[in-house]
PDB file of N, CA and C in Angstrom:
ATOM      1  N   GLN A   1     115.492  85.318 103.083  1.00  0.00           N
ATOM      2  CA  GLN A   1     114.480  85.062 104.142  1.00  0.00           C
ATOM      3  C   GLN A   1     112.934  85.481 103.017  1.00  0.00           C
ATOM      4  N   LYS A   2     111.919  84.403 103.093  1.00  0.00           N
ATOM      5  CA  LYS A   2     110.552  84.928 102.346  1.00  0.00           C
ATOM      6  C   LYS A   2     109.966  85.330 102.800  1.00  0.00           C
ATOM      7  N   LEU A   3     108.862  86.224 101.670  1.00  0.00           N
ATOM      8  CA  LEU A   3     108.217  86.813 101.938  1.00  0.00           C
ATOM      9  C   LEU A   3     106.876  86.161 102.890  1.00  0.00           C
ATOM     10  N   PRO A   4     106.239  87.145 103.987  1.00  0.00           N
ATOM     11  CA  PRO A   4     104.716  85.887 104.001  1.00  0.00           C
ATOM     12  C   PRO A   4     104.057  85.797 102.958  1.00  0.00           C
ATOM     13  N   THR A   5     102.984  84.724 103.196  1.00  0.00           N
ATOM     14  CA  THR A   5     102.416  84.323 101.963  1.00  0.00           C
ATOM     15  C   THR A   5     100.925  84.845 101.970  1.00  0.00           C
ATOM     16  N   ILE A   6     100.203  84.948 101.133  1.00  0.00           N
ATOM     17  CA  ILE A   6      98.852  85.559 101.237  1.00  0.00           C
ATOM     18  C   ILE A   6      97.985  84.733 101.749  1.00  0.00           C
ATOM     19  N   PRO A   7      97.096  84.839 102.576  1.00  0.00           N
ATOM     20  CA  PRO A   7      96.076  83.926 103.170  1.00  0.00           C
ATOM     21  C   PRO A   7      95.258  83.314 102.012  1.00  0.00           C
ATOM     22  N   GLU A   8      94.926  81.879 102.526  1.00  0.00           N
ATOM     23  CA  GLU A   8      94.151  81.603 101.168  1.00  0.00           C
ATOM     24  C   GLU A   8      93.248  82.096 101.171  1.00  0.00           C
ATOM     25  N   GLY A   9      92.327  82.429 102.357  1.00  0.00           N
ATOM     26  CA  GLY A   9      91.106  83.365 101.824  1.00  0.00           C
ATOM     27  C   GLY A   9      90.889  84.284 100.763  1.00  0.00           C
ATOM     28  N   CYS A  10      92.391  85.051 100.880  1.00  0.00           N
ATOM     29  CA  CYS A  10      92.260  86.250  99.693  1.00  0.00           C
ATOM     30  C   CYS A  10      92.861  85.393  98.672  1.00  0.00           C
ATOM     31  N   ARG A  11      93.652  84.475  98.683  1.00  0.00           N
ATOM     32  CA  ARG A  11      94.430  83.725  97.644  1.00  0.00           C
ATOM     33  C   ARG A  11      93.297  83.557  96.466  1.00  0.00           C
ATOM     34  N   ARG A  12      92.143  83.420  96.751  1.00  0.00           N
ATOM     35  CA  ARG A  12      90.830  82.649  95.890  1.00  0.00           C
ATOM     36  C   ARG A  12      90.275  83.496  94.990  1.00  0.00           C
ATOM     37  N   TRP A  13      90.506  85.282  95.515  1.00  0.00           N
ATOM     38  CA  TRP A  13      89.875  86.060  94.880  1.00  0.00           C
ATOM     39  C   TRP A  13      91.193  86.477  93.556  1.00  0.00           C
ATOM     40  N   PHE A  14      92.118  85.915  93.754  1.00  0.00           N
ATOM     41  CA  PHE A  14      93.709  86.726  92.914  1.00  0.00           C
ATOM     42  C   PHE A  14      93.542  86.104  91.491  1.00  0.00           C
ATOM     43  N   PRO A  15      93.677  86.033  90.406  1.00  0.00           N
ATOM     44  CA  PRO A  15      94.173  85.052  89.232  1.00  0.00           C
ATOM     45  C   PRO A  15      95.712  84.239  90.067  1.00  0.00           C
ATOM     46  N   PRO A  16      95.965  83.715  88.789  1.00  0.00           N
ATOM     47  CA  PRO A  16      97.001  82.764  89.299  1.00  0.00           C
ATOM     48  C   PRO A  16      98.175  83.741  88.968  1.00  0.00           C
ATOM     49  N   ALA A  17      99.317  83.717  88.912  1.00  0.00           N
ATOM     50  CA  ALA A  17     100.755  84.206  89.133  1.00  0.00           C
ATOM     51  C   ALA A  17     100.813  83.984  87.828  1.00  0.00           C
ATOM     52  N   ASP A  18     100.410  82.955  86.773  1.00  0.00           N
ATOM     53  CA  ASP A  18     100.836  82.760  85.256  1.00  0.00           C
ATOM     54  C   ASP A  18     100.216  83.740  84.626  1.00  0.00           C
ATOM     55  N   PHE A  19      98.942  84.286  84.964  1.00  0.00           N
ATOM     56  CA  PHE A  19      98.512  84.924  84.432  1.00  0.00           C
ATOM     57  C   PHE A  19      98.786  86.780  84.096  1.00  0.00           C
ATOM     58  N   PHE A  20      99.757  86.823  84.928  1.00  0.00           N
ATOM     59  CA  PHE A  20     100.341  88.417  84.657  1.00  0.00           C
ATOM     60  C   PHE A  20     101.744  87.896  84.147  1.00  0.00           C
ATOM     61  N   ILE A  21     101.778  89.026  83.320  1.00  0.00           N
ATOM     62  CA  ILE A  21     102.921  88.824  82.000  1.00  0.00           C
ATOM     63  C   ILE A  21     103.515  90.414  82.229  1.00  0.00           C
ATOM     64  N   PHE A  22     104.818  90.405  81.792  1.00  0.00           N
ATOM     65  CA  PHE A  22     105.110  91.803  81.846  1.00  0.00           C
ATOM     66  C   PHE A  22     106.127  92.077  81.212  1.00  0.00           C
ATOM     67  N   GLN A  23     106.279  92.888  79.728  1.00  0.00           N
ATOM     68  CA  GLN A  23     107.194  92.870  79.104  1.00  0.00           C
ATOM     69  C   GLN A  23     107.453  94.543  78.956  1.00  0.00           C
ATOM     70  N   MET A  24     108.664  95.028  78.529  1.00  0.00           N
ATOM     71  CA  MET A  24     109.626  96.150  78.552  1.00  0.00           C
ATOM     72  C   MET A  24     110.198  96.299  77.264  1.00  0.00           C
ATOM     73  N   SER A  25     109.778  96.761  76.608  1.00  0.00           N
ATOM     74  CA  SER A  25     110.233  97.602  75.107  1.00  0.00           C
ATOM     75  C   SER A  25     111.871  98.482  75.499  1.00  0.00           C
ATOM     76  N   GLY A  26     112.444  98.482  74.640  1.00  0.00           N
ATOM     77  CA  GLY A  26     113.506  99.537  74.620  1.00  0.00           C
ATOM     78  C   GLY A  26     113.238 101.055  74.887  1.00  0.00           C
ATOM     79  N   THR A  27     112.017 101.259  73.968  1.00  0.00           N
ATOM     80  CA  THR A  27     111.790 102.381  74.199  1.00  0.00           C
ATOM     81  C   THR A  27     111.221 102.791  75.171  1.00  0.00           C
ATOM     82  N   TRP A  28     110.447 102.393  76.244  1.00  0.00           N
ATOM     83  CA  TRP A  28     110.040 102.102  77.736  1.00  0.00           C
ATOM     84  C   TRP A  28     111.061 102.619  77.899  1.00  0.00           C
ATOM     85  N   LEU A  29     112.018 101.852  78.119  1.00  0.00           N
ATOM     86  CA  LEU A  29     113.279 101.824  78.690  1.00  0.00           C
ATOM     87  C   LEU A  29     114.006 103.287  78.539  1.00  0.00           C
ATOM     88  N   THR A  30     113.603 103.785  77.352  1.00  0.00           N
ATOM     89  CA  THR A  30     114.007 105.220  76.680  1.00  0.00           C
ATOM     90  C   THR A  30     113.665 106.180  77.545  1.00  0.00           C
ATOM     91  N   TYR A  31     112.379 106.344  76.923  1.00  0.00           N
ATOM     92  CA  TYR A  31     111.679 107.350  77.001  1.00  0.00           C
ATOM     93  C   TYR A  31     110.846 107.210  78.773  1.00  0.00           C
ATOM     94  N   GLY A  32     110.866 105.940  79.449  1.00  0.00           N
ATOM     95  CA  GLY A  32     110.015 106.337  80.688  1.00  0.00           C
ATOM     96  C   GLY A  32     110.501 107.111  82.054  1.00  0.00           C
ATOM     97  N   PRO A  33     111.838 107.099  81.979  1.00  0.00           N
ATOM     98  CA  PRO A  33     112.889 108.067  82.968  1.00  0.00           C
ATOM     99  C   PRO A  33     112.445 109.459  81.975  1.00  0.00           C
ATOM    100  N   LEU A  34     112.259 109.552  81.061  1.00  0.00           N
ATOM    101  CA  LEU A  34     112.382 111.290  80.434  1.00  0.00           C
ATOM    102  C   LEU A  34     110.733 111.489  81.187  1.00  0.00           C
ATOM    103  N   LEU A  35     109.602 110.710  80.614  1.00  0.00           N
ATOM    104  CA  LEU A  35     108.475 110.746  81.112  1.00  0.00           C
ATOM    105  C   LEU A  35     108.146 111.426  82.670  1.00  0.00           C
ATOM    106  N   ILE A  36     109.036 110.746  83.266  1.00  0.00           N
ATOM    107  CA  ILE A  36     108.361 110.759  85.168  1.00  0.00           C
ATOM    108  C   ILE A  36     109.443 112.139  85.608  1.00  0.00           C
ATOM    109  N   VAL A  37     110.598 112.342  84.491  1.00  0.00           N
ATOM    110  CA  VAL A  37     111.176 113.908  84.810  1.00  0.00           C
ATOM    111  C   VAL A  37     110.471 114.528  84.630  1.00  0.00           C
ATOM    112  N   ILE A  38     109.753 114.720  83.405  1.00  0.00           N
ATOM    113  CA  ILE A  38     108.150 115.928  83.187  1.00  0.00           C
ATOM    114  C   ILE A  38     107.775 116.043  83.669  1.00  0.00           C
ATOM    115  N   GLY A  39     107.191 115.135  84.504  1.00  0.00           N
ATOM    116  CA  GLY A  39     106.342 114.809  85.870  1.00  0.00           C
ATOM    117  C   GLY A  39     106.493 116.107  86.943  1.00  0.00           C
ATOM    118  N   ILE A  40     107.621 115.383  87.237  1.00  0.00           N
ATOM    119  CA  ILE A  40     108.473 116.302  88.773  1.00  0.00           C
ATOM    120  C   ILE A  40     108.562 117.652  87.953  1.00  0.00           C
ATOM    121  N   ASP A  41     108.947 117.982  86.770  1.00  0.00           N
ATOM    122  CA  ASP A  41     109.288 119.073  86.459  1.00  0.00           C
ATOM    123  C   ASP A  41     107.866 120.130  86.064  1.00  0.00           C
ATOM    124  N   LEU A  42     106.794 119.221  85.726  1.00  0.00           N
ATOM    125  CA  LEU A  42     105.701 119.957  85.973  1.00  0.00           C
ATOM    126  C   LEU A  42     105.164 120.397  87.711  1.00  0.00           C
ATOM    127  N   PHE A  43     105.452 119.213  88.608  1.00  0.00           N
ATOM    128  CA  PHE A  43     105.018 119.873  89.977  1.00  0.00           C
ATOM    129  C   PHE A  43     105.618 120.897  90.750  1.00  0.00           C
ATOM    130  N   CYS A  44     107.471 120.833  90.396  1.00  0.00           N
ATOM    131  CA  CYS A  44     108.170 121.537  90.748  1.00  0.00           C
ATOM    132  C   CYS A  44     107.304 123.477  89.971  1.00  0.00           C
ATOM    133  N   THR A  45     107.083 123.315  88.666  1.00  0.00           N
ATOM    134  CA  THR A  45     106.457 124.449  88.084  1.00  0.00           C
ATOM    135  C   THR A  45     105.059 124.893  88.753  1.00  0.00           C
ATOM    136  N   LYS A  46     104.124 124.159  89.236  1.00  0.00           N
ATOM    137  CA  LYS A  46     103.118 124.485  89.867  1.00  0.00           C
ATOM    138  C   LYS A  46     103.786 125.013  91.220  1.00  0.00           C
ATOM    139  N   THR A  47     104.423 124.744  91.725  1.00  0.00           N
ATOM    140  CA  THR A  47     104.891 125.151  92.847  1.00  0.00           C
ATOM    141  C   THR A  47     105.011 126.837  93.006  1.00  0.00           C
ATOM    142  N   GLN A  48     106.232 126.434  92.033  1.00  0.00           N
ATOM    143  CA  GLN A  48     106.447 128.051  91.715  1.00  0.00           C
ATOM    144  C   GLN A  48     105.389 129.120  91.131  1.00  0.00           C
ATOM    145  N   VAL A  49     104.301 128.645  90.556  1.00  0.00           N
ATOM    146  CA  VAL A  49     103.447 129.521  90.479  1.00  0.00           C
ATOM    147  C   VAL A  49     102.387 129.695  91.500  1.00  0.00           C
ATOM    148  N   MET A  50     102.100 129.047  92.130  1.00  0.00           N
ATOM    149  CA  MET A  50     100.801 129.300  93.281  1.00  0.00           C
ATOM    150  C   MET A  50     101.992 129.386  94.510  1.00  0.00           C
ATOM    151  N   TYR A  51     103.090 129.986  94.193  1.00  0.00           N
ATOM    152  CA  TYR A  51     103.227 130.500  95.406  1.00  0.00           C
ATOM    153  C   TYR A  51     102.934 132.060  95.790  1.00  0.00           C
ATOM    154  N   GLU A  52     102.458 131.933  97.430  1.00  0.00           N
ATOM    155  CA  GLU A  52     102.297 132.816  97.859  1.00  0.00           C
ATOM    156  C   GLU A  52     102.751 132.952  99.300  1.00  0.00           C
ATOM    157  N   PRO A  53     103.537 133.846  99.522  1.00  0.00           N
ATOM    158  CA  PRO A  53     104.812 134.376 100.797  1.00  0.00           C
ATOM    159  C   PRO A  53     104.109 133.995 102.467  1.00  0.00           C
ATOM    160  N   GLY A  54     103.209 134.055 102.293  1.00  0.00           N
ATOM    161  CA  GLY A  54     102.523 134.045 103.388  1.00  0.00           C
ATOM    162  C   GLY A  54     102.182 132.228 103.929  1.00  0.00           C
ATOM    163  N   ASP A  55     102.179 131.866 102.790  1.00  0.00           N
ATOM    164  CA  ASP A  55     101.968 129.925 103.224  1.00  0.00           C
ATOM    165  C   ASP A  55     103.314 129.943 103.436  1.00  0.00           C
ATOM    166  N   TYR A  56     104.494 130.462 103.890  1.00  0.00           N
ATOM    167  CA  TYR A  56     105.802 130.197 104.138  1.00  0.00           C
ATOM    168  C   TYR A  56     106.346 131.154 105.556  1.00  0.00           C
ATOM    169  N   GLY A  57     105.680 131.787 105.701  1.00  0.00           N
ATOM    170  CA  GLY A  57     105.933 133.019 106.693  1.00  0.00           C
ATOM    171  C   GLY A  57     106.636 133.909 106.248  1.00  0.00           C
ATOM    172  N   GLN A  58     106.342 134.811 105.240  1.00  0.00           N
ATOM    173  CA  GLN A  58     107.466 135.430 104.755  1.00  0.00           C
ATOM    174  C   GLN A  58     106.092 136.464 104.358  1.00  0.00           C
ATOM    175  N   TYR A  59     106.114 137.845 104.112  1.00  0.00           N
ATOM    176  CA  TYR A  59     105.721 139.173 103.827  1.00  0.00           C
ATOM    177  C   TYR A  59     106.064 139.955 102.645  1.00  0.00           C
ATOM    178  N   VAL A  60     105.569 140.498 101.901  1.00  0.00           N
ATOM    179  CA  VAL A  60     106.276 141.533 100.846  1.00  0.00           C
ATOM    180  C   VAL A  60     106.059 142.647 100.836  1.00  0.00           C
ATOM    181  N   ARG A  61     106.905 143.416 100.959  1.00  0.00           N
ATOM    182  CA  ARG A  61     106.549 145.421 101.240  1.00  0.00           C
ATOM    183  C   ARG A  61     107.326 146.009 100.365  1.00  0.00           C
ATOM    184  N   GLY A  62     107.160 146.784  99.648  1.00  0.00           N
ATOM    185  CA  GLY A  62     107.910 147.830  98.462  1.00  0.00           C
ATOM    186  C   GLY A  62     109.007 148.262  98.941  1.00  0.00           C
ATOM    187  N   GLY A  63     109.864 148.845  98.021  1.00  0.00           N
ATOM    188  CA  GLY A  63     111.003 149.724  98.124  1.00  0.00           C
ATOM    189  C   GLY A  63     110.650 150.833  98.099  1.00  0.00           C
ATOM    190  N   SER A  64     112.078 151.598  98.154  1.00  0.00           N
ATOM    191  CA  SER A  64     112.130 152.867  98.306  1.00  0.00           C
ATOM    192  C   SER A  64     111.637 154.055  97.546  1.00  0.00           C
ATOM    193  N   GLY A  65     110.389 153.375  96.374  1.00  0.00           N
ATOM    194  CA  GLY A  65     110.292 154.201  95.187  1.00  0.00           C
ATOM    195  C   GLY A  65     111.268 154.071  94.002  1.00  0.00           C
ATOM    196  N   ASP A  66     111.781 153.254  94.048  1.00  0.00           N
ATOM    197  CA  ASP A  66     112.350 152.224  92.761  1.00  0.00           C
ATOM    198  C   ASP A  66     111.510 151.107  92.211  1.00  0.00           C
ATOM    199  N   GLY A  67     110.608 151.277  92.994  1.00  0.00           N
ATOM    200  CA  GLY A  67     109.284 149.980  92.475  1.00  0.00           C
ATOM    201  C   GLY A  67     110.073 148.836  92.413  1.00  0.00           C
ATOM    202  N   ALA A  68     110.823 148.725  93.584  1.00  0.00           N
ATOM    203  CA  ALA A  68     111.276 147.243  93.811  1.00  0.00           C
ATOM    204  C   ALA A  68     110.252 146.793  94.932  1.00  0.00           C
ATOM    205  N   TRP A  69     110.220 145.458  95.051  1.00  0.00           N
ATOM    206  CA  TRP A  69     109.516 144.666  96.124  1.00  0.00           C
ATOM    207  C   TRP A  69     110.636 143.737  96.628  1.00  0.00           C
ATOM    208  N   TYR A  70     110.878 143.462  98.197  1.00  0.00           N
ATOM    209  CA  TYR A  70     111.320 142.879  98.587  1.00  0.00           C
ATOM    210  C   TYR A  70     110.368 142.252  99.286  1.00  0.00           C
ATOM    211  N   VAL A  71     111.027 140.708  99.914  1.00  0.00           N
ATOM    212  CA  VAL A  71     110.371 139.468 100.154  1.00  0.00           C
ATOM    213  C   VAL A  71     111.177 139.338 101.655  1.00  0.00           C
ATOM    214  N   TRP A  72     110.302 139.242 102.874  1.00  0.00           N
ATOM    215  CA  TRP A  72     111.083 139.508 103.966  1.00  0.00           C
ATOM    216  C   TRP A  72     110.533 138.294 104.450  1.00  0.00           C
ATOM    217  N   THR A  73     111.327 137.537 105.870  1.00  0.00           N
ATOM    218  CA  THR A  73     110.805 136.133 105.970  1.00  0.00           C
ATOM    219  C   THR A  73     110.830 136.329 107.520  1.00  0.00           C
ATOM    220  N   ILE A  74     109.511 136.145 108.343  1.00  0.00           N
ATOM    221  CA  ILE A  74     109.576 136.309 109.786  1.00  0.00           C
ATOM    222  C   ILE A  74     110.243 134.886 110.210  1.00  0.00           C
ATOM    223  N   ARG A  75     111.161 135.074 111.560  1.00  0.00           N
ATOM    224  CA  ARG A  75     111.786 134.029 111.778  1.00  0.00           C
ATOM    225  C   ARG A  75     111.164 133.978 113.340  1.00  0.00           C
ATOM    226  N   ASP A  76     110.494 134.614 113.878  1.00  0.00           N
ATOM    227  CA  ASP A  76     110.183 134.234 115.169  1.00  0.00           C
ATOM    228  C   ASP A  76     108.861 133.664 115.105  1.00  0.00           C
ATOM    229  N   GLU A  77     109.530 132.340 115.569  1.00  0.00           N
ATOM    230  CA  GLU A  77     108.391 131.143 115.489  1.00  0.00           C
ATOM    231  C   GLU A  77     106.727 131.356 116.479  1.00  0.00           C
ATOM    232  N   ALA A  78     107.345 132.198 117.622  1.00  0.00           N
ATOM    233  CA  ALA A  78     106.012 132.753 118.209  1.00  0.00           C
ATOM    234  C   ALA A  78     105.253 133.339 117.609  1.00  0.00           C
ATOM    235  N   TYR A  79     105.431 134.166 116.490  1.00  0.00           N
ATOM    236  CA  TYR A  79     104.609 135.141 115.880  1.00  0.00           C
ATOM    237  C   TYR A  79     103.960 134.169 114.804  1.00  0.00           C
ATOM    238  N   LEU A  80     104.813 133.353 114.345  1.00  0.00           N
ATOM    239  CA  LEU A  80     104.005 132.530 113.335  1.00  0.00           C
ATOM    240  C   LEU A  80     102.436 131.519 113.867  1.00  0.00           C
TER     241      LEU A  80
END
């Protein structure tokens, strides 16, 4: 199945197909996925650092004298 072609009016604005040359070395094949995983880890870290219980239908209440804090989840959708 062929993909649709670009209209002639738009095609004149793009360079010819042989203008684009793509080469990937072994180093990029090795470290490229590692860089992607590091980026994903940074996004997960941002989520944990910026966590606020109220954003997720939760609230925090202190424990009984032991200095502990508990996170409670609100399950009543009408209240949320």
